[in-house]
């Protein structure tokens, strides 16, 4: 109960990689409008669109990280 509030947020692989890269760079305040500018500056359009469309999930991702949903949800054939 409540575990989903502390687990990493599942996001598409491209979003995961772009947000992780921006976080590692440490050049932008992740909980401000500045993050959208940073994502645009570095051509991280997929993550930028995801942040705009999922603001609540993004805040959770800042605090708890992200995980690549592609790995967990893709069945192997």
PDB file of N, CA and C in Angstrom:
ATOM      1  N   UNK A   1       0.809  -1.178   0.000  1.00  0.00           N
ATOM      2  CA  UNK A   1       0.000   0.000   0.000  1.00  0.00           C
ATOM      3  C   UNK A   1       0.854   1.245   0.000  1.00  0.00           C
ATOM      4  N   UNK A   2       0.578   2.092  -0.996  1.00  0.00           N
ATOM      5  CA  UNK A   2       1.353   3.306  -1.144  1.00  0.00           C
ATOM      6  C   UNK A   2       2.699   3.104  -1.806  1.00  0.00           C
ATOM      7  N   UNK A   3       3.038   1.858  -2.163  1.00  0.00           N
ATOM      8  CA  UNK A   3       4.335   1.605  -2.780  1.00  0.00           C
ATOM      9  C   UNK A   3       4.497   2.337  -4.102  1.00  0.00           C
ATOM     10  N   UNK A   4       3.407   2.516  -4.840  1.00  0.00           N
ATOM     11  CA  UNK A   4       3.497   3.182  -6.132  1.00  0.00           C
ATOM     12  C   UNK A   4       3.937   4.634  -5.973  1.00  0.00           C
ATOM     13  N   UNK A   5       3.794   5.189  -4.763  1.00  0.00           N
ATOM     14  CA  UNK A   5       4.218   6.565  -4.519  1.00  0.00           C
ATOM     15  C   UNK A   5       5.724   6.682  -4.358  1.00  0.00           C
ATOM     16  N   UNK A   6       6.415   5.574  -4.113  1.00  0.00           N
ATOM     17  CA  UNK A   6       7.853   5.637  -3.897  1.00  0.00           C
ATOM     18  C   UNK A   6       8.649   4.871  -4.944  1.00  0.00           C
ATOM     19  N   UNK A   7       7.986   4.183  -5.831  1.00  0.00           N
ATOM     20  CA  UNK A   7       8.668   3.428  -6.872  1.00  0.00           C
ATOM     21  C   UNK A   7       8.998   4.345  -8.047  1.00  0.00           C
ATOM     22  N   UNK A   8      10.044   4.004  -8.812  1.00  0.00           N
ATOM     23  CA  UNK A   8      10.331   4.771 -10.018  1.00  0.00           C
ATOM     24  C   UNK A   8       9.127   4.764 -10.967  1.00  0.00           C
ATOM     25  N   UNK A   9       8.961   5.836 -11.680  1.00  0.00           N
ATOM     26  CA  UNK A   9       7.854   5.982 -12.620  1.00  0.00           C
ATOM     27  C   UNK A   9       8.218   5.283 -13.931  1.00  0.00           C
ATOM     28  N   UNK A  10       7.322   4.424 -14.413  1.00  0.00           N
ATOM     29  CA  UNK A  10       7.550   3.728 -15.679  1.00  0.00           C
ATOM     30  C   UNK A  10       7.280   4.686 -16.828  1.00  0.00           C
ATOM     31  N   UNK A  11       8.271   4.842 -17.696  1.00  0.00           N
ATOM     32  CA  UNK A  11       8.164   5.739 -18.847  1.00  0.00           C
ATOM     33  C   UNK A  11       8.756   5.050 -20.067  1.00  0.00           C
ATOM     34  N   UNK A  12       8.400   5.512 -21.274  1.00  0.00           N
ATOM     35  CA  UNK A  12       9.019   4.948 -22.484  1.00  0.00           C
ATOM     36  C   UNK A  12      10.539   5.129 -22.451  1.00  0.00           C
ATOM     37  N   UNK A  13      11.247   4.230 -23.093  1.00  0.00           N
ATOM     38  CA  UNK A  13      12.722   4.229 -23.080  1.00  0.00           C
ATOM     39  C   UNK A  13      13.310   5.587 -23.454  1.00  0.00           C
ATOM     40  N   UNK A  14      12.825   6.208 -24.509  1.00  0.00           N
ATOM     41  CA  UNK A  14      13.383   7.494 -24.950  1.00  0.00           C
ATOM     42  C   UNK A  14      13.226   8.565 -23.868  1.00  0.00           C
ATOM     43  N   UNK A  15      12.066   8.597 -23.240  1.00  0.00           N
ATOM     44  CA  UNK A  15      11.819   9.559 -22.158  1.00  0.00           C
ATOM     45  C   UNK A  15      12.773   9.285 -21.004  1.00  0.00           C
ATOM     46  N   UNK A  16      12.911   8.028 -20.634  1.00  0.00           N
ATOM     47  CA  UNK A  16      13.818   7.634 -19.545  1.00  0.00           C
ATOM     48  C   UNK A  16      15.241   8.124 -19.831  1.00  0.00           C
ATOM     49  N   UNK A  17      15.718   7.864 -21.014  1.00  0.00           N
ATOM     50  CA  UNK A  17      17.090   8.243 -21.374  1.00  0.00           C
ATOM     51  C   UNK A  17      17.279   9.761 -21.394  1.00  0.00           C
ATOM     52  N   UNK A  18      16.319  10.468 -21.969  1.00  0.00           N
ATOM     53  CA  UNK A  18      16.437  11.926 -22.067  1.00  0.00           C
ATOM     54  C   UNK A  18      16.369  12.585 -20.691  1.00  0.00           C
ATOM     55  N   UNK A  19      15.447  12.154 -19.846  1.00  0.00           N
ATOM     56  CA  UNK A  19      15.349  12.736 -18.497  1.00  0.00           C
ATOM     57  C   UNK A  19      16.584  12.390 -17.668  1.00  0.00           C
ATOM     58  N   UNK A  20      17.066  11.173 -17.798  1.00  0.00           N
ATOM     59  CA  UNK A  20      18.257  10.752 -17.057  1.00  0.00           C
ATOM     60  C   UNK A  20      19.468  11.587 -17.479  1.00  0.00           C
ATOM     61  N   UNK A  21      19.599  11.814 -18.768  1.00  0.00           N
ATOM     62  CA  UNK A  21      20.715  12.610 -19.262  1.00  0.00           C
ATOM     63  C   UNK A  21      20.637  14.042 -18.742  1.00  0.00           C
ATOM     64  N   UNK A  22      19.458  14.648 -18.813  1.00  0.00           N
ATOM     65  CA  UNK A  22      19.310  16.024 -18.327  1.00  0.00           C
ATOM     66  C   UNK A  22      19.612  16.092 -16.834  1.00  0.00           C
ATOM     67  N   UNK A  23      19.148  15.114 -16.081  1.00  0.00           N
ATOM     68  CA  UNK A  23      19.403  15.088 -14.630  1.00  0.00           C
ATOM     69  C   UNK A  23      20.902  14.977 -14.364  1.00  0.00           C
ATOM     70  N   UNK A  24      21.589  14.103 -15.074  1.00  0.00           N
ATOM     71  CA  UNK A  24      23.022  13.903 -14.869  1.00  0.00           C
ATOM     72  C   UNK A  24      23.817  15.155 -15.221  1.00  0.00           C
ATOM     73  N   UNK A  25      23.338  15.911 -16.196  1.00  0.00           N
ATOM     74  CA  UNK A  25      24.036  17.138 -16.584  1.00  0.00           C
ATOM     75  C   UNK A  25      23.983  18.172 -15.459  1.00  0.00           C
ATOM     76  N   UNK A  26      22.891  18.163 -14.692  1.00  0.00           N
ATOM     77  CA  UNK A  26      22.774  19.075 -13.565  1.00  0.00           C
ATOM     78  C   UNK A  26      22.711  20.537 -13.932  1.00  0.00           C
ATOM     79  N   UNK A  27      22.293  20.839 -15.142  1.00  0.00           N
ATOM     80  CA  UNK A  27      22.297  22.221 -15.611  1.00  0.00           C
ATOM     81  C   UNK A  27      20.954  22.922 -15.469  1.00  0.00           C
ATOM     82  N   UNK A  28      19.905  22.190 -15.134  1.00  0.00           N
ATOM     83  CA  UNK A  28      18.568  22.785 -15.078  1.00  0.00           C
ATOM     84  C   UNK A  28      17.837  22.381 -13.810  1.00  0.00           C
ATOM     85  N   UNK A  29      17.071  23.304 -13.265  1.00  0.00           N
ATOM     86  CA  UNK A  29      16.234  23.033 -12.100  1.00  0.00           C
ATOM     87  C   UNK A  29      15.071  22.156 -12.561  1.00  0.00           C
ATOM     88  N   UNK A  30      15.027  20.942 -12.064  1.00  0.00           N
ATOM     89  CA  UNK A  30      14.066  19.960 -12.565  1.00  0.00           C
ATOM     90  C   UNK A  30      12.623  20.248 -12.172  1.00  0.00           C
ATOM     91  N   UNK A  31      12.402  21.024 -11.118  1.00  0.00           N
ATOM     92  CA  UNK A  31      11.042  21.317 -10.687  1.00  0.00           C
ATOM     93  C   UNK A  31      10.634  22.743 -11.028  1.00  0.00           C
ATOM     94  N   UNK A  32      11.107  23.228 -12.162  1.00  0.00           N
ATOM     95  CA  UNK A  32      10.708  24.557 -12.615  1.00  0.00           C
ATOM     96  C   UNK A  32      10.419  24.501 -14.110  1.00  0.00           C
ATOM     97  N   UNK A  33       9.874  25.584 -14.616  1.00  0.00           N
ATOM     98  CA  UNK A  33       9.617  25.668 -16.066  1.00  0.00           C
ATOM     99  C   UNK A  33      10.926  25.555 -16.854  1.00  0.00           C
ATOM    100  N   UNK A  34      12.022  25.825 -16.189  1.00  0.00           N
ATOM    101  CA  UNK A  34      13.343  25.763 -16.806  1.00  0.00           C
ATOM    102  C   UNK A  34      13.620  24.392 -17.431  1.00  0.00           C
ATOM    103  N   UNK A  35      13.050  23.345 -16.846  1.00  0.00           N
ATOM    104  CA  UNK A  35      13.294  22.008 -17.368  1.00  0.00           C
ATOM    105  C   UNK A  35      12.783  21.881 -18.802  1.00  0.00           C
ATOM    106  N   UNK A  36      11.664  22.506 -19.116  1.00  0.00           N
ATOM    107  CA  UNK A  36      11.140  22.441 -20.484  1.00  0.00           C
ATOM    108  C   UNK A  36      12.087  23.132 -21.455  1.00  0.00           C
ATOM    109  N   UNK A  37      12.666  24.253 -21.026  1.00  0.00           N
ATOM    110  CA  UNK A  37      13.645  24.937 -21.866  1.00  0.00           C
ATOM    111  C   UNK A  37      14.873  24.063 -22.088  1.00  0.00           C
ATOM    112  N   UNK A  38      15.316  23.402 -21.023  1.00  0.00           N
ATOM    113  CA  UNK A  38      16.480  22.525 -21.139  1.00  0.00           C
ATOM    114  C   UNK A  38      16.224  21.357 -22.077  1.00  0.00           C
ATOM    115  N   UNK A  39      15.057  20.764 -21.958  1.00  0.00           N
ATOM    116  CA  UNK A  39      14.727  19.646 -22.845  1.00  0.00           C
ATOM    117  C   UNK A  39      14.677  20.105 -24.300  1.00  0.00           C
ATOM    118  N   UNK A  40      14.162  21.313 -24.508  1.00  0.00           N
ATOM    119  CA  UNK A  40      14.121  21.850 -25.868  1.00  0.00           C
ATOM    120  C   UNK A  40      15.531  22.178 -26.372  1.00  0.00           C
ATOM    121  N   UNK A  41      16.324  22.790 -25.516  1.00  0.00           N
ATOM    122  CA  UNK A  41      17.694  23.164 -25.885  1.00  0.00           C
ATOM    123  C   UNK A  41      18.496  21.960 -26.358  1.00  0.00           C
ATOM    124  N   UNK A  42      18.346  20.837 -25.658  1.00  0.00           N
ATOM    125  CA  UNK A  42      19.121  19.650 -25.995  1.00  0.00           C
ATOM    126  C   UNK A  42      18.391  18.711 -26.947  1.00  0.00           C
ATOM    127  N   UNK A  43      17.309  19.209 -27.535  1.00  0.00           N
ATOM    128  CA  UNK A  43      16.570  18.425 -28.530  1.00  0.00           C
ATOM    129  C   UNK A  43      15.961  17.156 -27.943  1.00  0.00           C
ATOM    130  N   UNK A  44      15.546  17.209 -26.683  1.00  0.00           N
ATOM    131  CA  UNK A  44      14.911  16.072 -26.030  1.00  0.00           C
ATOM    132  C   UNK A  44      13.398  16.239 -26.147  1.00  0.00           C
ATOM    133  N   UNK A  45      12.909  16.247 -27.375  1.00  0.00           N
ATOM    134  CA  UNK A  45      11.508  16.498 -27.652  1.00  0.00           C
ATOM    135  C   UNK A  45      10.552  15.454 -27.107  1.00  0.00           C
ATOM    136  N   UNK A  46      10.975  14.208 -27.100  1.00  0.00           N
ATOM    137  CA  UNK A  46      10.108  13.145 -26.594  1.00  0.00           C
ATOM    138  C   UNK A  46       9.852  13.336 -25.106  1.00  0.00           C
ATOM    139  N   UNK A  47      10.910  13.590 -24.351  1.00  0.00           N
ATOM    140  CA  UNK A  47      10.754  13.816 -22.911  1.00  0.00           C
ATOM    141  C   UNK A  47       9.985  15.100 -22.646  1.00  0.00           C
ATOM    142  N   UNK A  48      10.241  16.127 -23.427  1.00  0.00           N
ATOM    143  CA  UNK A  48       9.543  17.402 -23.236  1.00  0.00           C
ATOM    144  C   UNK A  48       8.037  17.212 -23.402  1.00  0.00           C
ATOM    145  N   UNK A  49       7.645  16.511 -24.440  1.00  0.00           N
ATOM    146  CA  UNK A  49       6.219  16.267 -24.675  1.00  0.00           C
ATOM    147  C   UNK A  49       5.623  15.434 -23.539  1.00  0.00           C
ATOM    148  N   UNK A  50       6.367  14.431 -23.073  1.00  0.00           N
ATOM    149  CA  UNK A  50       5.878  13.590 -21.988  1.00  0.00           C
ATOM    150  C   UNK A  50       5.680  14.420 -20.711  1.00  0.00           C
ATOM    151  N   UNK A  51       6.627  15.306 -20.403  1.00  0.00           N
ATOM    152  CA  UNK A  51       6.518  16.152 -19.206  1.00  0.00           C
ATOM    153  C   UNK A  51       5.275  17.041 -19.305  1.00  0.00           C
ATOM    154  N   UNK A  52       5.050  17.619 -20.474  1.00  0.00           N
ATOM    155  CA  UNK A  52       3.887  18.493 -20.674  1.00  0.00           C
ATOM    156  C   UNK A  52       2.588  17.701 -20.492  1.00  0.00           C
ATOM    157  N   UNK A  53       2.553  16.483 -21.007  1.00  0.00           N
ATOM    158  CA  UNK A  53       1.331  15.668 -20.958  1.00  0.00           C
ATOM    159  C   UNK A  53       1.134  14.944 -19.624  1.00  0.00           C
ATOM    160  N   UNK A  54       2.194  14.818 -18.821  1.00  0.00           N
ATOM    161  CA  UNK A  54       2.134  14.043 -17.574  1.00  0.00           C
ATOM    162  C   UNK A  54       2.767  14.806 -16.407  1.00  0.00           C
ATOM    163  N   UNK A  55       2.279  15.992 -16.086  1.00  0.00           N
ATOM    164  CA  UNK A  55       2.948  16.805 -15.056  1.00  0.00           C
ATOM    165  C   UNK A  55       3.013  16.151 -13.679  1.00  0.00           C
ATOM    166  N   UNK A  56       1.961  15.453 -13.268  1.00  0.00           N
ATOM    167  CA  UNK A  56       1.981  14.806 -11.947  1.00  0.00           C
ATOM    168  C   UNK A  56       2.971  13.636 -11.918  1.00  0.00           C
ATOM    169  N   UNK A  57       2.969  12.842 -12.965  1.00  0.00           N
ATOM    170  CA  UNK A  57       3.914  11.728 -13.046  1.00  0.00           C
ATOM    171  C   UNK A  57       5.346  12.259 -13.114  1.00  0.00           C
ATOM    172  N   UNK A  58       5.538  13.400 -13.785  1.00  0.00           N
ATOM    173  CA  UNK A  58       6.882  13.982 -13.868  1.00  0.00           C
ATOM    174  C   UNK A  58       7.397  14.368 -12.485  1.00  0.00           C
ATOM    175  N   UNK A  59       6.560  14.995 -11.671  1.00  0.00           N
ATOM    176  CA  UNK A  59       6.978  15.369 -10.316  1.00  0.00           C
ATOM    177  C   UNK A  59       7.375  14.121  -9.532  1.00  0.00           C
ATOM    178  N   UNK A  60       6.592  13.058  -9.648  1.00  0.00           N
ATOM    179  CA  UNK A  60       6.944  11.797  -8.993  1.00  0.00           C
ATOM    180  C   UNK A  60       8.283  11.276  -9.514  1.00  0.00           C
ATOM    181  N   UNK A  61       8.508  11.414 -10.819  1.00  0.00           N
ATOM    182  CA  UNK A  61       9.758  10.944 -11.416  1.00  0.00           C
ATOM    183  C   UNK A  61      10.961  11.719 -10.892  1.00  0.00           C
ATOM    184  N   UNK A  62      10.783  13.010 -10.639  1.00  0.00           N
ATOM    185  CA  UNK A  62      11.891  13.814 -10.100  1.00  0.00           C
ATOM    186  C   UNK A  62      12.293  13.275  -8.731  1.00  0.00           C
ATOM    187  N   UNK A  63      11.307  12.955  -7.912  1.00  0.00           N
ATOM    188  CA  UNK A  63      11.593  12.484  -6.559  1.00  0.00           C
ATOM    189  C   UNK A  63      11.998  11.021  -6.480  1.00  0.00           C
ATOM    190  N   UNK A  64      11.451  10.188  -7.364  1.00  0.00           N
ATOM    191  CA  UNK A  64      11.659   8.742  -7.247  1.00  0.00           C
ATOM    192  C   UNK A  64      12.360   8.109  -8.441  1.00  0.00           C
ATOM    193  N   UNK A  65      12.681   8.897  -9.447  1.00  0.00           N
ATOM    194  CA  UNK A  65      13.367   8.379 -10.616  1.00  0.00           C
ATOM    195  C   UNK A  65      12.402   7.763 -11.625  1.00  0.00           C
ATOM    196  N   UNK A  66      12.977   7.292 -12.711  1.00  0.00           N
ATOM    197  CA  UNK A  66      12.193   6.651 -13.755  1.00  0.00           C
ATOM    198  C   UNK A  66      12.759   5.265 -14.000  1.00  0.00           C
ATOM    199  N   UNK A  67      11.915   4.439 -14.601  1.00  0.00           N
ATOM    200  CA  UNK A  67      12.408   3.147 -15.075  1.00  0.00           C
ATOM    201  C   UNK A  67      11.874   2.958 -16.480  1.00  0.00           C
ATOM    202  N   UNK A  68      12.655   2.289 -17.272  1.00  0.00           N
ATOM    203  CA  UNK A  68      12.324   2.052 -18.672  1.00  0.00           C
ATOM    204  C   UNK A  68      11.202   1.021 -18.761  1.00  0.00           C
ATOM    205  N   UNK A  69       9.994   1.473 -19.075  1.00  0.00           N
ATOM    206  CA  UNK A  69       8.857   0.545 -19.173  1.00  0.00           C
ATOM    207  C   UNK A  69       9.008  -0.410 -20.344  1.00  0.00           C
ATOM    208  N   UNK A  70       9.828  -0.051 -21.320  1.00  0.00           N
ATOM    209  CA  UNK A  70      10.016  -0.885 -22.494  1.00  0.00           C
ATOM    210  C   UNK A  70      10.578  -2.255 -22.111  1.00  0.00           C
ATOM    211  N   UNK A  71      11.520  -2.257 -21.180  1.00  0.00           N
ATOM    212  CA  UNK A  71      12.136  -3.505 -20.746  1.00  0.00           C
ATOM    213  C   UNK A  71      11.132  -4.387 -20.030  1.00  0.00           C
ATOM    214  N   UNK A  72      10.337  -3.783 -19.136  1.00  0.00           N
ATOM    215  CA  UNK A  72       9.396  -4.558 -18.329  1.00  0.00           C
ATOM    216  C   UNK A  72       8.174  -5.019 -19.104  1.00  0.00           C
ATOM    217  N   UNK A  73       7.745  -4.249 -20.094  1.00  0.00           N
ATOM    218  CA  UNK A  73       6.482  -4.525 -20.743  1.00  0.00           C
ATOM    219  C   UNK A  73       6.590  -5.196 -22.111  1.00  0.00           C
ATOM    220  N   UNK A  74       7.777  -5.351 -22.631  1.00  0.00           N
ATOM    221  CA  UNK A  74       7.919  -5.922 -23.958  1.00  0.00           C
ATOM    222  C   UNK A  74       8.075  -7.436 -23.850  1.00  0.00           C
ATOM    223  N   UNK A  75       7.118  -8.199 -24.405  1.00  0.00           N
ATOM    224  CA  UNK A  75       7.262  -9.652 -24.373  1.00  0.00           C
ATOM    225  C   UNK A  75       8.369 -10.109 -25.331  1.00  0.00           C
ATOM    226  N   UNK A  76       9.115 -11.087 -24.918  1.00  0.00           N
ATOM    227  CA  UNK A  76      10.146 -11.599 -25.814  1.00  0.00           C
ATOM    228  C   UNK A  76       9.539 -12.673 -26.700  1.00  0.00           C
ATOM    229  N   UNK A  77       9.994 -12.688 -27.934  1.00  0.00           N
ATOM    230  CA  UNK A  77       9.458 -13.674 -28.873  1.00  0.00           C
ATOM    231  C   UNK A  77      10.541 -14.620 -29.315  1.00  0.00           C
TER     232      UNK A  77
END
